[in-house]
PDB file of all heavy atoms in Angstrom:
ATOM      1  N   ALA A   1      48.506  -3.287  47.935  1.00  0.00           N
ATOM      2  CA  ALA A   1      49.626  -3.668  47.067  1.00  0.00           C
ATOM      3  C   ALA A   1      50.590  -2.501  46.891  1.00  0.00           C
ATOM      4  O   ALA A   1      51.819  -2.680  46.925  1.00  0.00           O
ATOM      5  CB  ALA A   1      49.098  -4.121  45.709  1.00  0.00           C
ATOM      6  N   ILE A   2      50.052  -1.294  46.714  1.00  0.00           N
ATOM      7  CA  ILE A   2      50.907  -0.113  46.549  1.00  0.00           C
ATOM      8  C   ILE A   2      51.679   0.159  47.838  1.00  0.00           C
ATOM      9  O   ILE A   2      52.864   0.511  47.801  1.00  0.00           O
ATOM     10  CB  ILE A   2      50.057   1.104  46.144  1.00  0.00           C
ATOM     11  CG1 ILE A   2      49.386   0.843  44.792  1.00  0.00           C
ATOM     12  CG2 ILE A   2      50.913   2.365  46.064  1.00  0.00           C
ATOM     13  CD1 ILE A   2      48.379   1.893  44.375  1.00  0.00           C
ATOM     14  N   LYS A   3      50.999  -0.026  48.973  1.00  0.00           N
ATOM     15  CA  LYS A   3      51.698   0.141  50.253  1.00  0.00           C
ATOM     16  C   LYS A   3      52.816  -0.893  50.390  1.00  0.00           C
ATOM     17  O   LYS A   3      53.901  -0.587  50.896  1.00  0.00           O
ATOM     18  CB  LYS A   3      50.722  -0.009  51.412  1.00  0.00           C
ATOM     19  CG  LYS A   3      51.368   0.192  52.784  1.00  0.00           C
ATOM     20  CD  LYS A   3      50.362   0.031  53.896  1.00  0.00           C
ATOM     21  CE  LYS A   3      50.999   0.300  55.258  1.00  0.00           C
ATOM     22  NZ  LYS A   3      52.117  -0.612  55.568  1.00  0.00           N
ATOM     23  N   GLU A   4      52.568  -2.107  49.907  1.00  0.00           N
ATOM     24  CA  GLU A   4      53.580  -3.159  49.965  1.00  0.00           C
ATOM     25  C   GLU A   4      54.816  -2.768  49.147  1.00  0.00           C
ATOM     26  O   GLU A   4      55.954  -3.019  49.546  1.00  0.00           O
ATOM     27  CB  GLU A   4      52.989  -4.462  49.430  1.00  0.00           C
ATOM     28  CG  GLU A   4      53.851  -5.678  49.659  1.00  0.00           C
ATOM     29  CD  GLU A   4      53.583  -6.352  50.992  1.00  0.00           C
ATOM     30  OE1 GLU A   4      52.734  -5.866  51.751  1.00  0.00           O
ATOM     31  OE2 GLU A   4      54.238  -7.372  51.262  1.00  0.00           O
ATOM     32  N   ILE A   5      54.600  -2.148  47.997  1.00  0.00           N
ATOM     33  CA  ILE A   5      55.711  -1.679  47.162  1.00  0.00           C
ATOM     34  C   ILE A   5      56.520  -0.633  47.916  1.00  0.00           C
ATOM     35  O   ILE A   5      57.756  -0.654  47.902  1.00  0.00           O
ATOM     36  CB  ILE A   5      55.184  -1.112  45.828  1.00  0.00           C
ATOM     37  CG1 ILE A   5      54.560  -2.231  44.997  1.00  0.00           C
ATOM     38  CG2 ILE A   5      56.297  -0.426  45.047  1.00  0.00           C
ATOM     39  CD1 ILE A   5      53.788  -1.749  43.785  1.00  0.00           C
ATOM     40  N   MET A   6      55.817   0.296  48.571  1.00  0.00           N
ATOM     41  CA  MET A   6      56.500   1.318  49.372  1.00  0.00           C
ATOM     42  C   MET A   6      57.316   0.668  50.486  1.00  0.00           C
ATOM     43  O   MET A   6      58.498   0.980  50.682  1.00  0.00           O
ATOM     44  CB  MET A   6      55.474   2.272  49.965  1.00  0.00           C
ATOM     45  CG  MET A   6      56.066   3.320  50.896  1.00  0.00           C
ATOM     46  SD  MET A   6      54.811   4.132  51.915  1.00  0.00           S
ATOM     47  CE  MET A   6      54.423   2.826  53.100  1.00  0.00           C
ATOM     48  N   ASP A   7      56.701  -0.258  51.218  1.00  0.00           N
ATOM     49  CA  ASP A   7      57.380  -0.927  52.326  1.00  0.00           C
ATOM     50  C   ASP A   7      58.606  -1.708  51.856  1.00  0.00           C
ATOM     51  O   ASP A   7      59.685  -1.634  52.444  1.00  0.00           O
ATOM     52  CB  ASP A   7      56.422  -1.884  53.038  1.00  0.00           C
ATOM     53  CG  ASP A   7      55.344  -1.153  53.829  1.00  0.00           C
ATOM     54  OD1 ASP A   7      55.485   0.058  54.049  1.00  0.00           O
ATOM     55  OD2 ASP A   7      54.364  -1.809  54.218  1.00  0.00           O
ATOM     56  N   ASP A   8      58.424  -2.478  50.790  1.00  0.00           N
ATOM     57  CA  ASP A   8      59.512  -3.326  50.294  1.00  0.00           C
ATOM     58  C   ASP A   8      60.693  -2.487  49.824  1.00  0.00           C
ATOM     59  O   ASP A   8      61.858  -2.818  50.097  1.00  0.00           O
ATOM     60  CB  ASP A   8      59.022  -4.217  49.154  1.00  0.00           C
ATOM     61  CG  ASP A   8      58.138  -5.354  49.636  1.00  0.00           C
ATOM     62  OD1 ASP A   8      58.016  -5.525  50.867  1.00  0.00           O
ATOM     63  OD2 ASP A   8      57.569  -6.074  48.796  1.00  0.00           O
ATOM     64  N   SER A   9      60.412  -1.408  49.105  1.00  0.00           N
ATOM     65  CA  SER A   9      61.504  -0.569  48.606  1.00  0.00           C
ATOM     66  C   SER A   9      62.239   0.095  49.772  1.00  0.00           C
ATOM     67  O   SER A   9      63.467   0.268  49.739  1.00  0.00           O
ATOM     68  CB  SER A   9      60.976   0.486  47.627  1.00  0.00           C
ATOM     69  OG  SER A   9      60.014   1.329  48.239  1.00  0.00           O
ATOM     70  N   PHE A  10      61.503   0.451  50.822  1.00  0.00           N
ATOM     71  CA  PHE A  10      62.123   1.049  52.003  1.00  0.00           C
ATOM     72  C   PHE A  10      63.037   0.058  52.719  1.00  0.00           C
ATOM     73  O   PHE A  10      64.173   0.377  53.089  1.00  0.00           O
ATOM     74  CB  PHE A  10      61.019   1.536  52.945  1.00  0.00           C
ATOM     75  CG  PHE A  10      61.533   2.141  54.225  1.00  0.00           C
ATOM     76  CD1 PHE A  10      62.115   3.391  54.243  1.00  0.00           C
ATOM     77  CD2 PHE A  10      61.422   1.449  55.429  1.00  0.00           C
ATOM     78  CE1 PHE A  10      62.587   3.951  55.429  1.00  0.00           C
ATOM     79  CE2 PHE A  10      61.883   1.999  56.609  1.00  0.00           C
ATOM     80  CZ  PHE A  10      62.462   3.255  56.613  1.00  0.00           C
ATOM     81  N   GLU A  11      62.539  -1.160  52.914  1.00  0.00           N
ATOM     82  CA  GLU A  11      63.343  -2.172  53.603  1.00  0.00           C
ATOM     83  C   GLU A  11      64.589  -2.534  52.805  1.00  0.00           C
ATOM     84  O   GLU A  11      65.666  -2.737  53.369  1.00  0.00           O
ATOM     85  CB  GLU A  11      62.496  -3.418  53.872  1.00  0.00           C
ATOM     86  CG  GLU A  11      61.401  -3.220  54.905  1.00  0.00           C
ATOM     87  CD  GLU A  11      61.926  -2.706  56.223  1.00  0.00           C
ATOM     88  OE1 GLU A  11      62.998  -3.187  56.673  1.00  0.00           O
ATOM     89  OE2 GLU A  11      61.292  -1.823  56.815  1.00  0.00           O
ATOM     90  N   LEU A  12      64.445  -2.641  51.501  1.00  0.00           N
ATOM     91  CA  LEU A  12      65.602  -2.950  50.655  1.00  0.00           C
ATOM     92  C   LEU A  12      66.635  -1.827  50.701  1.00  0.00           C
ATOM     93  O   LEU A  12      67.841  -2.081  50.656  1.00  0.00           O
ATOM     94  CB  LEU A  12      65.148  -3.196  49.212  1.00  0.00           C
ATOM     95  CG  LEU A  12      64.406  -4.511  48.973  1.00  0.00           C
ATOM     96  CD1 LEU A  12      63.747  -4.520  47.599  1.00  0.00           C
ATOM     97  CD2 LEU A  12      65.361  -5.696  49.105  1.00  0.00           C
ATOM     98  N   LEU A  13      66.156  -0.597  50.802  1.00  0.00           N
ATOM     99  CA  LEU A  13      67.078   0.536  50.944  1.00  0.00           C
ATOM    100  C   LEU A  13      67.899   0.398  52.215  1.00  0.00           C
ATOM    101  O   LEU A  13      69.109   0.619  52.218  1.00  0.00           O
ATOM    102  CB  LEU A  13      66.292   1.849  51.020  1.00  0.00           C
ATOM    103  CG  LEU A  13      66.147   2.702  49.768  1.00  0.00           C
ATOM    104  CD1 LEU A  13      65.434   3.997  50.119  1.00  0.00           C
ATOM    105  CD2 LEU A  13      67.475   2.978  49.104  1.00  0.00           C
ATOM    106  N   LYS A  14      67.241   0.033  53.310  1.00  0.00           N
ATOM    107  CA  LYS A  14      67.941  -0.097  54.590  1.00  0.00           C
ATOM    108  C   LYS A  14      68.927  -1.260  54.576  1.00  0.00           C
ATOM    109  O   LYS A  14      69.835  -1.311  55.390  1.00  0.00           O
ATOM    110  CB  LYS A  14      66.928  -0.272  55.721  1.00  0.00           C
ATOM    111  CG  LYS A  14      66.058   0.966  55.934  1.00  0.00           C
ATOM    112  CD  LYS A  14      65.535   1.057  57.354  1.00  0.00           C
ATOM    113  CE  LYS A  14      64.645  -0.110  57.675  1.00  0.00           C
ATOM    114  NZ  LYS A  14      64.120  -0.022  59.062  1.00  0.00           N
ATOM    115  N   GLN A  15      68.729  -2.176  53.643  1.00  0.00           N
ATOM    116  CA  GLN A  15      69.659  -3.303  53.505  1.00  0.00           C
ATOM    117  C   GLN A  15      70.741  -3.008  52.463  1.00  0.00           C
ATOM    118  O   GLN A  15      71.469  -3.894  52.041  1.00  0.00           O
ATOM    119  CB  GLN A  15      68.867  -4.557  53.117  1.00  0.00           C
ATOM    120  CG  GLN A  15      67.920  -5.023  54.210  1.00  0.00           C
ATOM    121  CD  GLN A  15      66.922  -6.046  53.721  1.00  0.00           C
ATOM    122  OE1 GLN A  15      67.258  -6.947  52.974  1.00  0.00           O
ATOM    123  NE2 GLN A  15      65.671  -5.905  54.117  1.00  0.00           N
ATOM    124  N   ASN A  16      70.823  -1.733  52.064  1.00  0.00           N
ATOM    125  CA  ASN A  16      71.830  -1.273  51.097  1.00  0.00           C
ATOM    126  C   ASN A  16      71.700  -1.944  49.733  1.00  0.00           C
ATOM    127  O   ASN A  16      72.691  -2.146  49.035  1.00  0.00           O
ATOM    128  CB  ASN A  16      73.250  -1.497  51.654  1.00  0.00           C
ATOM    129  CG  ASN A  16      73.519  -0.651  52.888  1.00  0.00           C
ATOM    130  OD1 ASN A  16      73.183   0.528  52.925  1.00  0.00           O
ATOM    131  ND2 ASN A  16      74.090  -1.264  53.909  1.00  0.00           N
ATOM    132  N   GLU A  17      70.466  -2.290  49.363  1.00  0.00           N
ATOM    133  CA  GLU A  17      70.208  -2.880  48.048  1.00  0.00           C
ATOM    134  C   GLU A  17      69.760  -1.775  47.075  1.00  0.00           C
ATOM    135  O   GLU A  17      68.691  -1.842  46.476  1.00  0.00           O
ATOM    136  CB  GLU A  17      69.139  -3.967  48.148  1.00  0.00           C
ATOM    137  CG  GLU A  17      69.533  -5.173  48.967  1.00  0.00           C
ATOM    138  CD  GLU A  17      70.559  -6.059  48.258  1.00  0.00           C
ATOM    139  OE1 GLU A  17      70.880  -5.758  47.088  1.00  0.00           O
ATOM    140  OE2 GLU A  17      71.022  -7.025  48.871  1.00  0.00           O
ATOM    141  N   SER A  18      70.604  -0.765  46.913  1.00  0.00           N
ATOM    142  CA  SER A  18      70.214   0.412  46.124  1.00  0.00           C
ATOM    143  C   SER A  18      69.939   0.078  44.667  1.00  0.00           C
ATOM    144  O   SER A  18      68.988   0.604  44.069  1.00  0.00           O
ATOM    145  CB  SER A  18      71.313   1.480  46.213  1.00  0.00           C
ATOM    146  OG  SER A  18      71.474   1.915  47.549  1.00  0.00           O
ATOM    147  N   LEU A  19      70.756  -0.770  44.069  1.00  0.00           N
ATOM    148  CA  LEU A  19      70.548  -1.121  42.664  1.00  0.00           C
ATOM    149  C   LEU A  19      69.225  -1.848  42.486  1.00  0.00           C
ATOM    150  O   LEU A  19      68.462  -1.570  41.540  1.00  0.00           O
ATOM    151  CB  LEU A  19      71.703  -1.987  42.154  1.00  0.00           C
ATOM    152  CG  LEU A  19      71.626  -2.408  40.674  1.00  0.00           C
ATOM    153  CD1 LEU A  19      71.559  -1.178  39.777  1.00  0.00           C
ATOM    154  CD2 LEU A  19      72.811  -3.283  40.298  1.00  0.00           C
ATOM    155  N   LEU A  20      68.931  -2.770  43.383  1.00  0.00           N
ATOM    156  CA  LEU A  20      67.673  -3.504  43.309  1.00  0.00           C
ATOM    157  C   LEU A  20      66.485  -2.556  43.488  1.00  0.00           C
ATOM    158  O   LEU A  20      65.480  -2.659  42.780  1.00  0.00           O
ATOM    159  CB  LEU A  20      67.649  -4.591  44.386  1.00  0.00           C
ATOM    160  CG  LEU A  20      66.467  -5.564  44.384  1.00  0.00           C
ATOM    161  CD1 LEU A  20      66.325  -6.250  43.027  1.00  0.00           C
ATOM    162  CD2 LEU A  20      66.622  -6.591  45.484  1.00  0.00           C
ATOM    163  N   VAL A  21      66.604  -1.600  44.408  1.00  0.00           N
ATOM    164  CA  VAL A  21      65.532  -0.619  44.633  1.00  0.00           C
ATOM    165  C   VAL A  21      65.324   0.244  43.394  1.00  0.00           C
ATOM    166  O   VAL A  21      64.188   0.510  42.992  1.00  0.00           O
ATOM    167  CB  VAL A  21      65.848   0.268  45.857  1.00  0.00           C
ATOM    168  CG1 VAL A  21      64.826   1.405  45.977  1.00  0.00           C
ATOM    169  CG2 VAL A  21      65.847  -0.557  47.130  1.00  0.00           C
ATOM    170  N   SER A  22      66.422   0.690  42.775  1.00  0.00           N
ATOM    171  CA  SER A  22      66.298   1.559  41.593  1.00  0.00           C
ATOM    172  C   SER A  22      65.579   0.857  40.455  1.00  0.00           C
ATOM    173  O   SER A  22      64.829   1.481  39.697  1.00  0.00           O
ATOM    174  CB  SER A  22      67.685   2.027  41.137  1.00  0.00           C
ATOM    175  OG  SER A  22      68.436   0.956  40.588  1.00  0.00           O
ATOM    176  N   ARG A  23      65.780  -0.447  40.340  1.00  0.00           N
ATOM    177  CA  ARG A  23      65.099  -1.209  39.291  1.00  0.00           C
ATOM    178  C   ARG A  23      63.658  -1.513  39.680  1.00  0.00           C
ATOM    179  O   ARG A  23      62.738  -1.350  38.874  1.00  0.00           O
ATOM    180  CB  ARG A  23      65.862  -2.507  39.017  1.00  0.00           C
ATOM    181  CG  ARG A  23      67.270  -2.294  38.473  1.00  0.00           C
ATOM    182  CD  ARG A  23      67.988  -3.617  38.295  1.00  0.00           C
ATOM    183  NE  ARG A  23      67.322  -4.448  37.302  1.00  0.00           N
ATOM    184  CZ  ARG A  23      67.505  -5.758  37.188  1.00  0.00           C
ATOM    185  NH1 ARG A  23      68.307  -6.386  38.033  1.00  0.00           N
ATOM    186  NH2 ARG A  23      66.870  -6.437  36.252  1.00  0.00           N
ATOM    187  N   PHE A  24      63.467  -1.964  40.908  1.00  0.00           N
ATOM    188  CA  PHE A  24      62.142  -2.338  41.387  1.00  0.00           C
ATOM    189  C   PHE A  24      61.165  -1.159  41.310  1.00  0.00           C
ATOM    190  O   PHE A  24      60.015  -1.299  40.879  1.00  0.00           O
ATOM    191  CB  PHE A  24      62.273  -2.858  42.818  1.00  0.00           C
ATOM    192  CG  PHE A  24      60.981  -3.113  43.539  1.00  0.00           C
ATOM    193  CD1 PHE A  24      59.898  -3.706  42.902  1.00  0.00           C
ATOM    194  CD2 PHE A  24      60.848  -2.765  44.878  1.00  0.00           C
ATOM    195  CE1 PHE A  24      58.710  -3.957  43.580  1.00  0.00           C
ATOM    196  CE2 PHE A  24      59.671  -3.005  45.563  1.00  0.00           C
ATOM    197  CZ  PHE A  24      58.604  -3.594  44.904  1.00  0.00           C
ATOM    198  N   THR A  25      61.633   0.023  41.718  1.00  0.00           N
ATOM    199  CA  THR A  25      60.743   1.181  41.788  1.00  0.00           C
ATOM    200  C   THR A  25      60.474   1.827  40.433  1.00  0.00           C
ATOM    201  O   THR A  25      59.691   2.775  40.354  1.00  0.00           O
ATOM    202  CB  THR A  25      61.305   2.242  42.758  1.00  0.00           C
ATOM    203  OG1 THR A  25      62.692   2.492  42.442  1.00  0.00           O
ATOM    204  CG2 THR A  25      61.192   1.779  44.204  1.00  0.00           C
ATOM    205  N   GLU A  26      61.099   1.340  39.370  1.00  0.00           N
ATOM    206  CA  GLU A  26      60.685   1.766  38.029  1.00  0.00           C
ATOM    207  C   GLU A  26      59.210   1.425  37.811  1.00  0.00           C
ATOM    208  O   GLU A  26      58.509   2.073  37.032  1.00  0.00           O
ATOM    209  CB  GLU A  26      61.527   1.074  36.949  1.00  0.00           C
ATOM    210  CG  GLU A  26      62.934   1.612  36.789  1.00  0.00           C
ATOM    211  CD  GLU A  26      63.655   0.923  35.634  1.00  0.00           C
ATOM    212  OE1 GLU A  26      63.063   0.837  34.535  1.00  0.00           O
ATOM    213  OE2 GLU A  26      64.797   0.469  35.837  1.00  0.00           O
ATOM    214  N   TYR A  27      58.764   0.397  38.503  1.00  0.00           N
ATOM    215  CA  TYR A  27      57.407  -0.109  38.344  1.00  0.00           C
ATOM    216  C   TYR A  27      56.340   0.905  38.754  1.00  0.00           C
ATOM    217  O   TYR A  27      55.229   0.910  38.212  1.00  0.00           O
ATOM    218  CB  TYR A  27      57.280  -1.377  39.194  1.00  0.00           C
ATOM    219  CG  TYR A  27      55.945  -2.072  39.137  1.00  0.00           C
ATOM    220  CD1 TYR A  27      55.550  -2.768  37.997  1.00  0.00           C
ATOM    221  CD2 TYR A  27      55.083  -2.037  40.224  1.00  0.00           C
ATOM    222  CE1 TYR A  27      54.336  -3.427  37.945  1.00  0.00           C
ATOM    223  CE2 TYR A  27      53.862  -2.696  40.180  1.00  0.00           C
ATOM    224  CZ  TYR A  27      53.492  -3.385  39.037  1.00  0.00           C
ATOM    225  OH  TYR A  27      52.280  -4.033  38.993  1.00  0.00           O
ATOM    226  N   ILE A  28      56.668   1.793  39.696  1.00  0.00           N
ATOM    227  CA  ILE A  28      55.655   2.719  40.216  1.00  0.00           C
ATOM    228  C   ILE A  28      55.196   3.727  39.161  1.00  0.00           C
ATOM    229  O   ILE A  28      54.109   4.291  39.279  1.00  0.00           O
ATOM    230  CB  ILE A  28      56.163   3.478  41.466  1.00  0.00           C
ATOM    231  CG1 ILE A  28      57.414   4.285  41.141  1.00  0.00           C
ATOM    232  CG2 ILE A  28      56.383   2.523  42.617  1.00  0.00           C
ATOM    233  CD1 ILE A  28      57.905   5.119  42.310  1.00  0.00           C
ATOM    234  N   SER A  29      56.006   3.937  38.116  1.00  0.00           N
ATOM    235  CA  SER A  29      55.606   4.883  37.063  1.00  0.00           C
ATOM    236  C   SER A  29      54.384   4.386  36.296  1.00  0.00           C
ATOM    237  O   SER A  29      53.703   5.166  35.626  1.00  0.00           O
ATOM    238  CB  SER A  29      56.768   5.121  36.096  1.00  0.00           C
ATOM    239  OG  SER A  29      57.111   3.919  35.420  1.00  0.00           O
ATOM    240  N   LYS A  30      54.089   3.090  36.412  1.00  0.00           N
ATOM    241  CA  LYS A  30      52.950   2.511  35.711  1.00  0.00           C
ATOM    242  C   LYS A  30      51.653   2.588  36.517  1.00  0.00           C
ATOM    243  O   LYS A  30      50.587   2.259  36.010  1.00  0.00           O
ATOM    244  CB  LYS A  30      53.224   1.042  35.365  1.00  0.00           C
ATOM    245  CG  LYS A  30      54.381   0.842  34.411  1.00  0.00           C
ATOM    246  CD  LYS A  30      54.490  -0.620  34.027  1.00  0.00           C
ATOM    247  CE  LYS A  30      55.558  -0.824  32.969  1.00  0.00           C
ATOM    248  NZ  LYS A  30      55.577  -2.207  32.479  1.00  0.00           N
ATOM    249  N   ILE A  31      51.762   3.001  37.782  1.00  0.00           N
ATOM    250  CA  ILE A  31      50.603   2.976  38.668  1.00  0.00           C
ATOM    251  C   ILE A  31      49.904   4.333  38.699  1.00  0.00           C
ATOM    252  O   ILE A  31      50.538   5.362  38.961  1.00  0.00           O
ATOM    253  CB  ILE A  31      51.017   2.584  40.097  1.00  0.00           C
ATOM    254  CG1 ILE A  31      51.724   1.220  40.088  1.00  0.00           C
ATOM    255  CG2 ILE A  31      49.808   2.536  41.020  1.00  0.00           C
ATOM    256  CD1 ILE A  31      52.305   0.835  41.424  1.00  0.00           C
ATOM    257  N   GLU A  32      48.621   4.330  38.424  1.00  0.00           N
ATOM    258  CA  GLU A  32      47.809   5.545  38.504  1.00  0.00           C
ATOM    259  C   GLU A  32      47.052   5.527  39.839  1.00  0.00           C
ATOM    260  O   GLU A  32      46.193   4.669  40.049  1.00  0.00           O
ATOM    261  CB  GLU A  32      46.820   5.607  37.347  1.00  0.00           C
ATOM    262  CG  GLU A  32      47.446   5.889  35.993  1.00  0.00           C
ATOM    263  CD  GLU A  32      48.049   7.290  35.908  1.00  0.00           C
ATOM    264  OE1 GLU A  32      47.556   8.186  36.633  1.00  0.00           O
ATOM    265  OE2 GLU A  32      49.007   7.474  35.142  1.00  0.00           O
ATOM    266  N   PRO A  33      47.358   6.468  40.740  1.00  0.00           N
ATOM    267  CA  PRO A  33      46.678   6.476  42.040  1.00  0.00           C
ATOM    268  C   PRO A  33      45.188   6.775  41.895  1.00  0.00           C
ATOM    269  O   PRO A  33      44.785   7.595  41.062  1.00  0.00           O
ATOM    270  CB  PRO A  33      47.405   7.586  42.802  1.00  0.00           C
ATOM    271  CG  PRO A  33      47.958   8.486  41.746  1.00  0.00           C
ATOM    272  CD  PRO A  33      48.319   7.585  40.597  1.00  0.00           C
ATOM    273  N   ARG A  34      44.376   6.111  42.730  1.00  0.00           N
ATOM    274  CA  ARG A  34      42.931   6.293  42.671  1.00  0.00           C
ATOM    275  C   ARG A  34      42.402   7.118  43.838  1.00  0.00           C
ATOM    276  O   ARG A  34      41.237   7.519  43.826  1.00  0.00           O
ATOM    277  CB  ARG A  34      42.233   4.927  42.674  1.00  0.00           C
ATOM    278  CG  ARG A  34      42.625   4.000  41.537  1.00  0.00           C
ATOM    279  CD  ARG A  34      42.035   2.615  41.738  1.00  0.00           C
ATOM    280  NE  ARG A  34      42.488   2.028  42.993  1.00  0.00           N
ATOM    281  CZ  ARG A  34      42.045   0.877  43.483  1.00  0.00           C
ATOM    282  NH1 ARG A  34      41.128   0.193  42.817  1.00  0.00           N
ATOM    283  NH2 ARG A  34      42.500   0.399  44.627  1.00  0.00           N
ATOM    284  N   ASN A  35      43.238   7.372  44.824  1.00  0.00           N
ATOM    285  CA  ASN A  35      42.819   8.155  45.977  1.00  0.00           C
ATOM    286  C   ASN A  35      44.046   8.767  46.648  1.00  0.00           C
ATOM    287  O   ASN A  35      45.189   8.519  46.237  1.00  0.00           O
ATOM    288  CB  ASN A  35      42.045   7.280  46.970  1.00  0.00           C
ATOM    289  CG  ASN A  35      42.788   5.992  47.309  1.00  0.00           C
ATOM    290  OD1 ASN A  35      43.946   6.022  47.730  1.00  0.00           O
ATOM    291  ND2 ASN A  35      42.138   4.850  47.108  1.00  0.00           N
ATOM    292  N   GLU A  36      43.801   9.574  47.674  1.00  0.00           N
ATOM    293  CA  GLU A  36      44.890  10.275  48.356  1.00  0.00           C
ATOM    294  C   GLU A  36      45.864   9.309  49.027  1.00  0.00           C
ATOM    295  O   GLU A  36      47.065   9.549  49.055  1.00  0.00           O
ATOM    296  CB  GLU A  36      44.319  11.247  49.390  1.00  0.00           C
ATOM    297  CG  GLU A  36      43.637  12.453  48.774  1.00  0.00           C
ATOM    298  CD  GLU A  36      43.215  13.460  49.834  1.00  0.00           C
ATOM    299  OE1 GLU A  36      43.542  13.245  51.031  1.00  0.00           O
ATOM    300  OE2 GLU A  36      42.557  14.452  49.468  1.00  0.00           O
TER     301      GLU A  36
END
């Protein structure tokens, strides 16, 4: 799921959806990584 967030934000960036990416990636601040 975390990889999917990374992939989706990257693809949206390439589609020039910067505003959508800036909002979507606010979500990552809530995620606590469990491994490298």
